[in-house]
Amino acid sequence: MDQTLRTRQKRDFFLFILAGAFLGFYTGLYEPTFNNYLSDIFNIGEVARGALEFPRELPGFLVVFFMGLLIFYQMFA
């Protein structure tokens, strides 16, 4: 029983590492392609893309900021 559990854990860990490798490979292919697409088709530069992505990224940043603020408040209140 113990041997099958170890074998299963090794297999699961290997699949986890494999999934991470495929995710990195996908990101390495997708990001440059998307950047080139925006630049070539829509003539969007770095500043314009930053202005477009700012509203999309702002809620996530605010969540992290306020969670840190609340944790800090909880620790010292």
PDB file of N, CA and C in Angstrom:
ATOM      1  N   MET A   1       0.826  -1.202   0.000  1.00  0.00           N
ATOM      2  CA  MET A   1       0.000   0.000   0.000  1.00  0.00           C
ATOM      3  C   MET A   1       0.867   1.262   0.000  1.00  0.00           C
ATOM      4  N   ASP A   2       1.905   1.245   0.826  1.00  0.00           N
ATOM      5  CA  ASP A   2       2.783   2.408   0.926  1.00  0.00           C
ATOM      6  C   ASP A   2       3.544   2.642  -0.379  1.00  0.00           C
ATOM      7  N   GLN A   3       3.924   1.552  -1.034  1.00  0.00           N
ATOM      8  CA  GLN A   3       4.657   1.658  -2.302  1.00  0.00           C
ATOM      9  C   GLN A   3       3.780   2.264  -3.385  1.00  0.00           C
ATOM     10  N   THR A   4       2.508   1.892  -3.444  1.00  0.00           N
ATOM     11  CA  THR A   4       1.615   2.446  -4.470  1.00  0.00           C
ATOM     12  C   THR A   4       1.349   3.919  -4.217  1.00  0.00           C
ATOM     13  N   LEU A   5       1.303   4.318  -2.956  1.00  0.00           N
ATOM     14  CA  LEU A   5       1.108   5.733  -2.636  1.00  0.00           C
ATOM     15  C   LEU A   5       2.304   6.558  -3.096  1.00  0.00           C
ATOM     16  N   ARG A   6       3.516   6.060  -2.859  1.00  0.00           N
ATOM     17  CA  ARG A   6       4.717   6.776  -3.313  1.00  0.00           C
ATOM     18  C   ARG A   6       4.764   6.865  -4.830  1.00  0.00           C
ATOM     19  N   THR A   7       4.423   5.779  -5.495  1.00  0.00           N
ATOM     20  CA  THR A   7       4.413   5.770  -6.953  1.00  0.00           C
ATOM     21  C   THR A   7       3.399   6.773  -7.475  1.00  0.00           C
ATOM     22  N   ARG A   8       2.254   6.821  -6.850  1.00  0.00           N
ATOM     23  CA  ARG A   8       1.211   7.766  -7.256  1.00  0.00           C
ATOM     24  C   ARG A   8       1.647   9.206  -7.021  1.00  0.00           C
ATOM     25  N   GLN A   9       2.299   9.457  -5.897  1.00  0.00           N
ATOM     26  CA  GLN A   9       2.767  10.810  -5.603  1.00  0.00           C
ATOM     27  C   GLN A   9       3.839  11.251  -6.594  1.00  0.00           C
ATOM     28  N   LYS A  10       4.735  10.334  -6.960  1.00  0.00           N
ATOM     29  CA  LYS A  10       5.762  10.665  -7.943  1.00  0.00           C
ATOM     30  C   LYS A  10       5.132  10.971  -9.290  1.00  0.00           C
ATOM     31  N   ARG A  11       4.128  10.176  -9.673  1.00  0.00           N
ATOM     32  CA  ARG A  11       3.453  10.402 -10.943  1.00  0.00           C
ATOM     33  C   ARG A  11       2.724  11.735 -10.934  1.00  0.00           C
ATOM     34  N   ASP A  12       2.033  12.029  -9.838  1.00  0.00           N
ATOM     35  CA  ASP A  12       1.315  13.301  -9.731  1.00  0.00           C
ATOM     36  C   ASP A  12       2.280  14.482  -9.767  1.00  0.00           C
ATOM     37  N   PHE A  13       3.413  14.367  -9.098  1.00  0.00           N
ATOM     38  CA  PHE A  13       4.398  15.440  -9.108  1.00  0.00           C
ATOM     39  C   PHE A  13       4.956  15.634 -10.513  1.00  0.00           C
ATOM     40  N   PHE A  14       5.238  14.529 -11.205  1.00  0.00           N
ATOM     41  CA  PHE A  14       5.732  14.613 -12.572  1.00  0.00           C
ATOM     42  C   PHE A  14       4.713  15.298 -13.472  1.00  0.00           C
ATOM     43  N   LEU A  15       3.431  14.958 -13.333  1.00  0.00           N
ATOM     44  CA  LEU A  15       2.391  15.599 -14.137  1.00  0.00           C
ATOM     45  C   LEU A  15       2.272  17.083 -13.814  1.00  0.00           C
ATOM     46  N   PHE A  16       2.453  17.437 -12.552  1.00  0.00           N
ATOM     47  CA  PHE A  16       2.418  18.841 -12.149  1.00  0.00           C
ATOM     48  C   PHE A  16       3.562  19.615 -12.795  1.00  0.00           C
ATOM     49  N   ILE A  17       4.763  19.048 -12.763  1.00  0.00           N
ATOM     50  CA  ILE A  17       5.927  19.687 -13.391  1.00  0.00           C
ATOM     51  C   ILE A  17       5.730  19.779 -14.900  1.00  0.00           C
ATOM     52  N   LEU A  18       5.175  18.734 -15.507  1.00  0.00           N
ATOM     53  CA  LEU A  18       4.925  18.731 -16.941  1.00  0.00           C
ATOM     54  C   LEU A  18       3.910  19.813 -17.319  1.00  0.00           C
ATOM     55  N   ALA A  19       2.858  19.955 -16.509  1.00  0.00           N
ATOM     56  CA  ALA A  19       1.862  20.995 -16.772  1.00  0.00           C
ATOM     57  C   ALA A  19       2.488  22.380 -16.660  1.00  0.00           C
ATOM     58  N   GLY A  20       3.351  22.583 -15.666  1.00  0.00           N
ATOM     59  CA  GLY A  20       4.042  23.864 -15.531  1.00  0.00           C
ATOM     60  C   GLY A  20       4.943  24.152 -16.715  1.00  0.00           C
ATOM     61  N   ALA A  21       5.611  23.117 -17.228  1.00  0.00           N
ATOM     62  CA  ALA A  21       6.479  23.295 -18.392  1.00  0.00           C
ATOM     63  C   ALA A  21       5.660  23.667 -19.622  1.00  0.00           C
ATOM     64  N   PHE A  22       4.535  22.996 -19.827  1.00  0.00           N
ATOM     65  CA  PHE A  22       3.681  23.326 -20.965  1.00  0.00           C
ATOM     66  C   PHE A  22       3.083  24.721 -20.840  1.00  0.00           C
ATOM     67  N   LEU A  23       2.748  25.132 -19.617  1.00  0.00           N
ATOM     68  CA  LEU A  23       2.239  26.482 -19.408  1.00  0.00           C
ATOM     69  C   LEU A  23       3.304  27.524 -19.754  1.00  0.00           C
ATOM     70  N   GLY A  24       4.531  27.281 -19.341  1.00  0.00           N
ATOM     71  CA  GLY A  24       5.622  28.194 -19.690  1.00  0.00           C
ATOM     72  C   GLY A  24       5.869  28.237 -21.188  1.00  0.00           C
ATOM     73  N   PHE A  25       5.798  27.090 -21.835  1.00  0.00           N
ATOM     74  CA  PHE A  25       5.986  27.028 -23.287  1.00  0.00           C
ATOM     75  C   PHE A  25       4.874  27.794 -24.001  1.00  0.00           C
ATOM     76  N   TYR A  26       3.636  27.599 -23.548  1.00  0.00           N
ATOM     77  CA  TYR A  26       2.499  28.301 -24.148  1.00  0.00           C
ATOM     78  C   TYR A  26       2.641  29.815 -23.979  1.00  0.00           C
ATOM     79  N   THR A  27       3.004  30.245 -22.780  1.00  0.00           N
ATOM     80  CA  THR A  27       3.156  31.670 -22.519  1.00  0.00           C
ATOM     81  C   THR A  27       4.276  32.260 -23.366  1.00  0.00           C
ATOM     82  N   GLY A  28       5.351  31.502 -23.533  1.00  0.00           N
ATOM     83  CA  GLY A  28       6.459  31.965 -24.355  1.00  0.00           C
ATOM     84  C   GLY A  28       6.074  32.135 -25.815  1.00  0.00           C
ATOM     85  N   LEU A  29       5.113  31.368 -26.276  1.00  0.00           N
ATOM     86  CA  LEU A  29       4.653  31.511 -27.657  1.00  0.00           C
ATOM     87  C   LEU A  29       3.554  32.568 -27.802  1.00  0.00           C
ATOM     88  N   TYR A  30       2.663  32.637 -26.829  1.00  0.00           N
ATOM     89  CA  TYR A  30       1.499  33.507 -26.941  1.00  0.00           C
ATOM     90  C   TYR A  30       1.842  34.981 -26.769  1.00  0.00           C
ATOM     91  N   GLU A  31       2.615  35.309 -25.755  1.00  0.00           N
ATOM     92  CA  GLU A  31       2.892  36.712 -25.445  1.00  0.00           C
ATOM     93  C   GLU A  31       3.553  37.461 -26.603  1.00  0.00           C
ATOM     94  N   PRO A  32       4.633  36.945 -27.178  1.00  0.00           N
ATOM     95  CA  PRO A  32       5.235  37.692 -28.294  1.00  0.00           C
ATOM     96  C   PRO A  32       4.307  37.781 -29.503  1.00  0.00           C
ATOM     97  N   THR A  33       3.543  36.737 -29.738  1.00  0.00           N
ATOM     98  CA  THR A  33       2.612  36.754 -30.869  1.00  0.00           C
ATOM     99  C   THR A  33       1.556  37.828 -30.665  1.00  0.00           C
ATOM    100  N   PHE A  34       1.010  37.906 -29.467  1.00  0.00           N
ATOM    101  CA  PHE A  34      -0.020  38.906 -29.175  1.00  0.00           C
ATOM    102  C   PHE A  34       0.550  40.315 -29.247  1.00  0.00           C
ATOM    103  N   ASN A  35       1.764  40.508 -28.715  1.00  0.00           N
ATOM    104  CA  ASN A  35       2.390  41.830 -28.786  1.00  0.00           C
ATOM    105  C   ASN A  35       2.619  42.258 -30.227  1.00  0.00           C
ATOM    106  N   ASN A  36       3.109  41.337 -31.050  1.00  0.00           N
ATOM    107  CA  ASN A  36       3.338  41.658 -32.458  1.00  0.00           C
ATOM    108  C   ASN A  36       2.027  41.931 -33.182  1.00  0.00           C
ATOM    109  N   TYR A  37       0.978  41.194 -32.846  1.00  0.00           N
ATOM    110  CA  TYR A  37      -0.332  41.399 -33.462  1.00  0.00           C
ATOM    111  C   TYR A  37      -0.843  42.810 -33.163  1.00  0.00           C
ATOM    112  N   LEU A  38      -0.788  43.207 -31.902  1.00  0.00           N
ATOM    113  CA  LEU A  38      -1.247  44.545 -31.538  1.00  0.00           C
ATOM    114  C   LEU A  38      -0.417  45.624 -32.217  1.00  0.00           C
ATOM    115  N   SER A  39       0.864  45.405 -32.288  1.00  0.00           N
ATOM    116  CA  SER A  39       1.739  46.393 -32.900  1.00  0.00           C
ATOM    117  C   SER A  39       1.536  46.484 -34.410  1.00  0.00           C
ATOM    118  N   ASP A  40       1.445  45.347 -35.083  1.00  0.00           N
ATOM    119  CA  ASP A  40       1.355  45.343 -36.540  1.00  0.00           C
ATOM    120  C   ASP A  40      -0.032  45.694 -37.062  1.00  0.00           C
ATOM    121  N   ILE A  41      -1.072  45.150 -36.457  1.00  0.00           N
ATOM    122  CA  ILE A  41      -2.424  45.335 -36.977  1.00  0.00           C
ATOM    123  C   ILE A  41      -3.036  46.651 -36.505  1.00  0.00           C
ATOM    124  N   PHE A  42      -2.902  46.959 -35.220  1.00  0.00           N
ATOM    125  CA  PHE A  42      -3.572  48.137 -34.663  1.00  0.00           C
ATOM    126  C   PHE A  42      -2.624  49.310 -34.423  1.00  0.00           C
ATOM    127  N   ASN A  43      -1.352  49.130 -34.690  1.00  0.00           N
ATOM    128  CA  ASN A  43      -0.347  50.169 -34.463  1.00  0.00           C
ATOM    129  C   ASN A  43      -0.386  50.706 -33.031  1.00  0.00           C
ATOM    130  N   ILE A  44      -0.484  49.807 -32.085  1.00  0.00           N
ATOM    131  CA  ILE A  44      -0.537  50.175 -30.675  1.00  0.00           C
ATOM    132  C   ILE A  44       0.873  50.078 -30.102  1.00  0.00           C
ATOM    133  N   GLY A  45       1.334  51.159 -29.495  1.00  0.00           N
ATOM    134  CA  GLY A  45       2.653  51.184 -28.877  1.00  0.00           C
ATOM    135  C   GLY A  45       2.595  50.788 -27.415  1.00  0.00           C
ATOM    136  N   GLU A  46       3.722  50.934 -26.749  1.00  0.00           N
ATOM    137  CA  GLU A  46       3.815  50.522 -25.349  1.00  0.00           C
ATOM    138  C   GLU A  46       2.937  51.369 -24.438  1.00  0.00           C
ATOM    139  N   VAL A  47       2.924  52.664 -24.655  1.00  0.00           N
ATOM    140  CA  VAL A  47       2.154  53.568 -23.790  1.00  0.00           C
ATOM    141  C   VAL A  47       0.658  53.333 -23.965  1.00  0.00           C
ATOM    142  N   ALA A  48       0.215  53.176 -25.209  1.00  0.00           N
ATOM    143  CA  ALA A  48      -1.207  52.940 -25.467  1.00  0.00           C
ATOM    144  C   ALA A  48      -1.651  51.593 -24.896  1.00  0.00           C
ATOM    145  N   ARG A  49      -0.797  50.584 -25.023  1.00  0.00           N
ATOM    146  CA  ARG A  49      -1.165  49.279 -24.461  1.00  0.00           C
ATOM    147  C   ARG A  49      -1.225  49.351 -22.945  1.00  0.00           C
ATOM    148  N   GLY A  50      -0.309  50.080 -22.346  1.00  0.00           N
ATOM    149  CA  GLY A  50      -0.359  50.265 -20.900  1.00  0.00           C
ATOM    150  C   GLY A  50      -1.633  50.955 -20.462  1.00  0.00           C
ATOM    151  N   ALA A  51      -2.060  51.957 -21.235  1.00  0.00           N
ATOM    152  CA  ALA A  51      -3.310  52.657 -20.912  1.00  0.00           C
ATOM    153  C   ALA A  51      -4.515  51.733 -21.083  1.00  0.00           C
ATOM    154  N   LEU A  52      -4.461  50.841 -22.055  1.00  0.00           N
ATOM    155  CA  LEU A  52      -5.561  49.892 -22.249  1.00  0.00           C
ATOM    156  C   LEU A  52      -5.610  48.837 -21.150  1.00  0.00           C
ATOM    157  N   GLU A  53      -4.454  48.390 -20.696  1.00  0.00           N
ATOM    158  CA  GLU A  53      -4.416  47.313 -19.707  1.00  0.00           C
ATOM    159  C   GLU A  53      -4.528  47.810 -18.275  1.00  0.00           C
ATOM    160  N   PHE A  54      -4.340  49.078 -18.042  1.00  0.00           N
ATOM    161  CA  PHE A  54      -4.420  49.608 -16.679  1.00  0.00           C
ATOM    162  C   PHE A  54      -5.777  49.340 -16.017  1.00  0.00           C
ATOM    163  N   PRO A  55      -6.921  49.627 -16.675  1.00  0.00           N
ATOM    164  CA  PRO A  55      -8.205  49.337 -16.013  1.00  0.00           C
ATOM    165  C   PRO A  55      -8.426  47.851 -15.758  1.00  0.00           C
ATOM    166  N   ARG A  56      -7.855  47.002 -16.586  1.00  0.00           N
ATOM    167  CA  ARG A  56      -8.019  45.567 -16.388  1.00  0.00           C
ATOM    168  C   ARG A  56      -7.202  45.078 -15.193  1.00  0.00           C
ATOM    169  N   GLU A  57      -6.033  45.631 -14.979  1.00  0.00           N
ATOM    170  CA  GLU A  57      -5.146  45.191 -13.911  1.00  0.00           C
ATOM    171  C   GLU A  57      -5.428  45.877 -12.579  1.00  0.00           C
ATOM    172  N   LEU A  58      -6.088  47.008 -12.596  1.00  0.00           N
ATOM    173  CA  LEU A  58      -6.310  47.784 -11.380  1.00  0.00           C
ATOM    174  C   LEU A  58      -7.082  47.025 -10.293  1.00  0.00           C
ATOM    175  N   PRO A  59      -8.176  46.324 -10.583  1.00  0.00           N
ATOM    176  CA  PRO A  59      -8.882  45.614  -9.502  1.00  0.00           C
ATOM    177  C   PRO A  59      -8.016  44.587  -8.785  1.00  0.00           C
ATOM    178  N   GLY A  60      -7.209  43.848  -9.511  1.00  0.00           N
ATOM    179  CA  GLY A  60      -6.327  42.878  -8.870  1.00  0.00           C
ATOM    180  C   GLY A  60      -5.304  43.546  -7.978  1.00  0.00           C
ATOM    181  N   PHE A  61      -4.743  44.655  -8.441  1.00  0.00           N
ATOM    182  CA  PHE A  61      -3.787  45.392  -7.626  1.00  0.00           C
ATOM    183  C   PHE A  61      -4.453  45.924  -6.357  1.00  0.00           C
ATOM    184  N   LEU A  62      -5.668  46.447  -6.494  1.00  0.00           N
ATOM    185  CA  LEU A  62      -6.367  46.985  -5.331  1.00  0.00           C
ATOM    186  C   LEU A  62      -6.713  45.897  -4.316  1.00  0.00           C
ATOM    187  N   VAL A  63      -7.070  44.704  -4.794  1.00  0.00           N
ATOM    188  CA  VAL A  63      -7.355  43.593  -3.881  1.00  0.00           C
ATOM    189  C   VAL A  63      -6.111  43.267  -3.064  1.00  0.00           C
ATOM    190  N   VAL A  64      -4.977  43.154  -3.723  1.00  0.00           N
ATOM    191  CA  VAL A  64      -3.736  42.838  -3.011  1.00  0.00           C
ATOM    192  C   VAL A  64      -3.375  43.958  -2.044  1.00  0.00           C
ATOM    193  N   PHE A  65      -3.529  45.186  -2.478  1.00  0.00           N
ATOM    194  CA  PHE A  65      -3.197  46.321  -1.619  1.00  0.00           C
ATOM    195  C   PHE A  65      -4.079  46.351  -0.372  1.00  0.00           C
ATOM    196  N   PHE A  66      -5.394  46.210  -0.553  1.00  0.00           N
ATOM    197  CA  PHE A  66      -6.300  46.288   0.599  1.00  0.00           C
ATOM    198  C   PHE A  66      -6.185  45.057   1.495  1.00  0.00           C
ATOM    199  N   MET A  67      -5.896  43.903   0.941  1.00  0.00           N
ATOM    200  CA  MET A  67      -5.676  42.730   1.791  1.00  0.00           C
ATOM    201  C   MET A  67      -4.434  42.942   2.660  1.00  0.00           C
ATOM    202  N   GLY A  68      -3.383  43.484   2.076  1.00  0.00           N
ATOM    203  CA  GLY A  68      -2.190  43.791   2.860  1.00  0.00           C
ATOM    204  C   GLY A  68      -2.474  44.821   3.928  1.00  0.00           C
ATOM    205  N   LEU A  69      -3.262  45.816   3.581  1.00  0.00           N
ATOM    206  CA  LEU A  69      -3.635  46.851   4.554  1.00  0.00           C
ATOM    207  C   LEU A  69      -4.459  46.264   5.698  1.00  0.00           C
ATOM    208  N   LEU A  70      -5.406  45.389   5.374  1.00  0.00           N
ATOM    209  CA  LEU A  70      -6.237  44.769   6.414  1.00  0.00           C
ATOM    210  C   LEU A  70      -5.429  43.826   7.301  1.00  0.00           C
ATOM    211  N   ILE A  71      -4.515  43.080   6.704  1.00  0.00           N
ATOM    212  CA  ILE A  71      -3.669  42.195   7.508  1.00  0.00           C
ATOM    213  C   ILE A  71      -2.775  43.017   8.421  1.00  0.00           C
ATOM    214  N   PHE A  72      -2.215  44.098   7.892  1.00  0.00           N
ATOM    215  CA  PHE A  72      -1.394  44.988   8.713  1.00  0.00           C
ATOM    216  C   PHE A  72      -2.207  45.573   9.860  1.00  0.00           C
ATOM    217  N   TYR A  73      -3.441  45.977   9.553  1.00  0.00           N
ATOM    218  CA  TYR A  73      -4.315  46.552  10.584  1.00  0.00           C
ATOM    219  C   TYR A  73      -4.653  45.508  11.643  1.00  0.00           C
ATOM    220  N   GLN A  74      -4.909  44.270  11.218  1.00  0.00           N
ATOM    221  CA  GLN A  74      -5.268  43.209  12.148  1.00  0.00           C
ATOM    222  C   GLN A  74      -4.087  42.876  13.075  1.00  0.00           C
ATOM    223  N   MET A  75      -2.882  42.920  12.567  1.00  0.00           N
ATOM    224  CA  MET A  75      -1.726  42.574  13.359  1.00  0.00           C
ATOM    225  C   MET A  75      -1.454  43.612  14.456  1.00  0.00           C
ATOM    226  N   PHE A  76      -1.718  44.879  14.197  1.00  0.00           N
ATOM    227  CA  PHE A  76      -1.345  45.923  15.126  1.00  0.00           C
ATOM    228  C   PHE A  76      -2.538  46.619  15.796  1.00  0.00           C
ATOM    229  N   ALA A  77      -3.715  46.105  15.583  1.00  0.00           N
ATOM    230  CA  ALA A  77      -4.886  46.722  16.236  1.00  0.00           C
ATOM    231  C   ALA A  77      -5.269  45.985  17.493  1.00  0.00           C
TER     232      ALA A  77
END
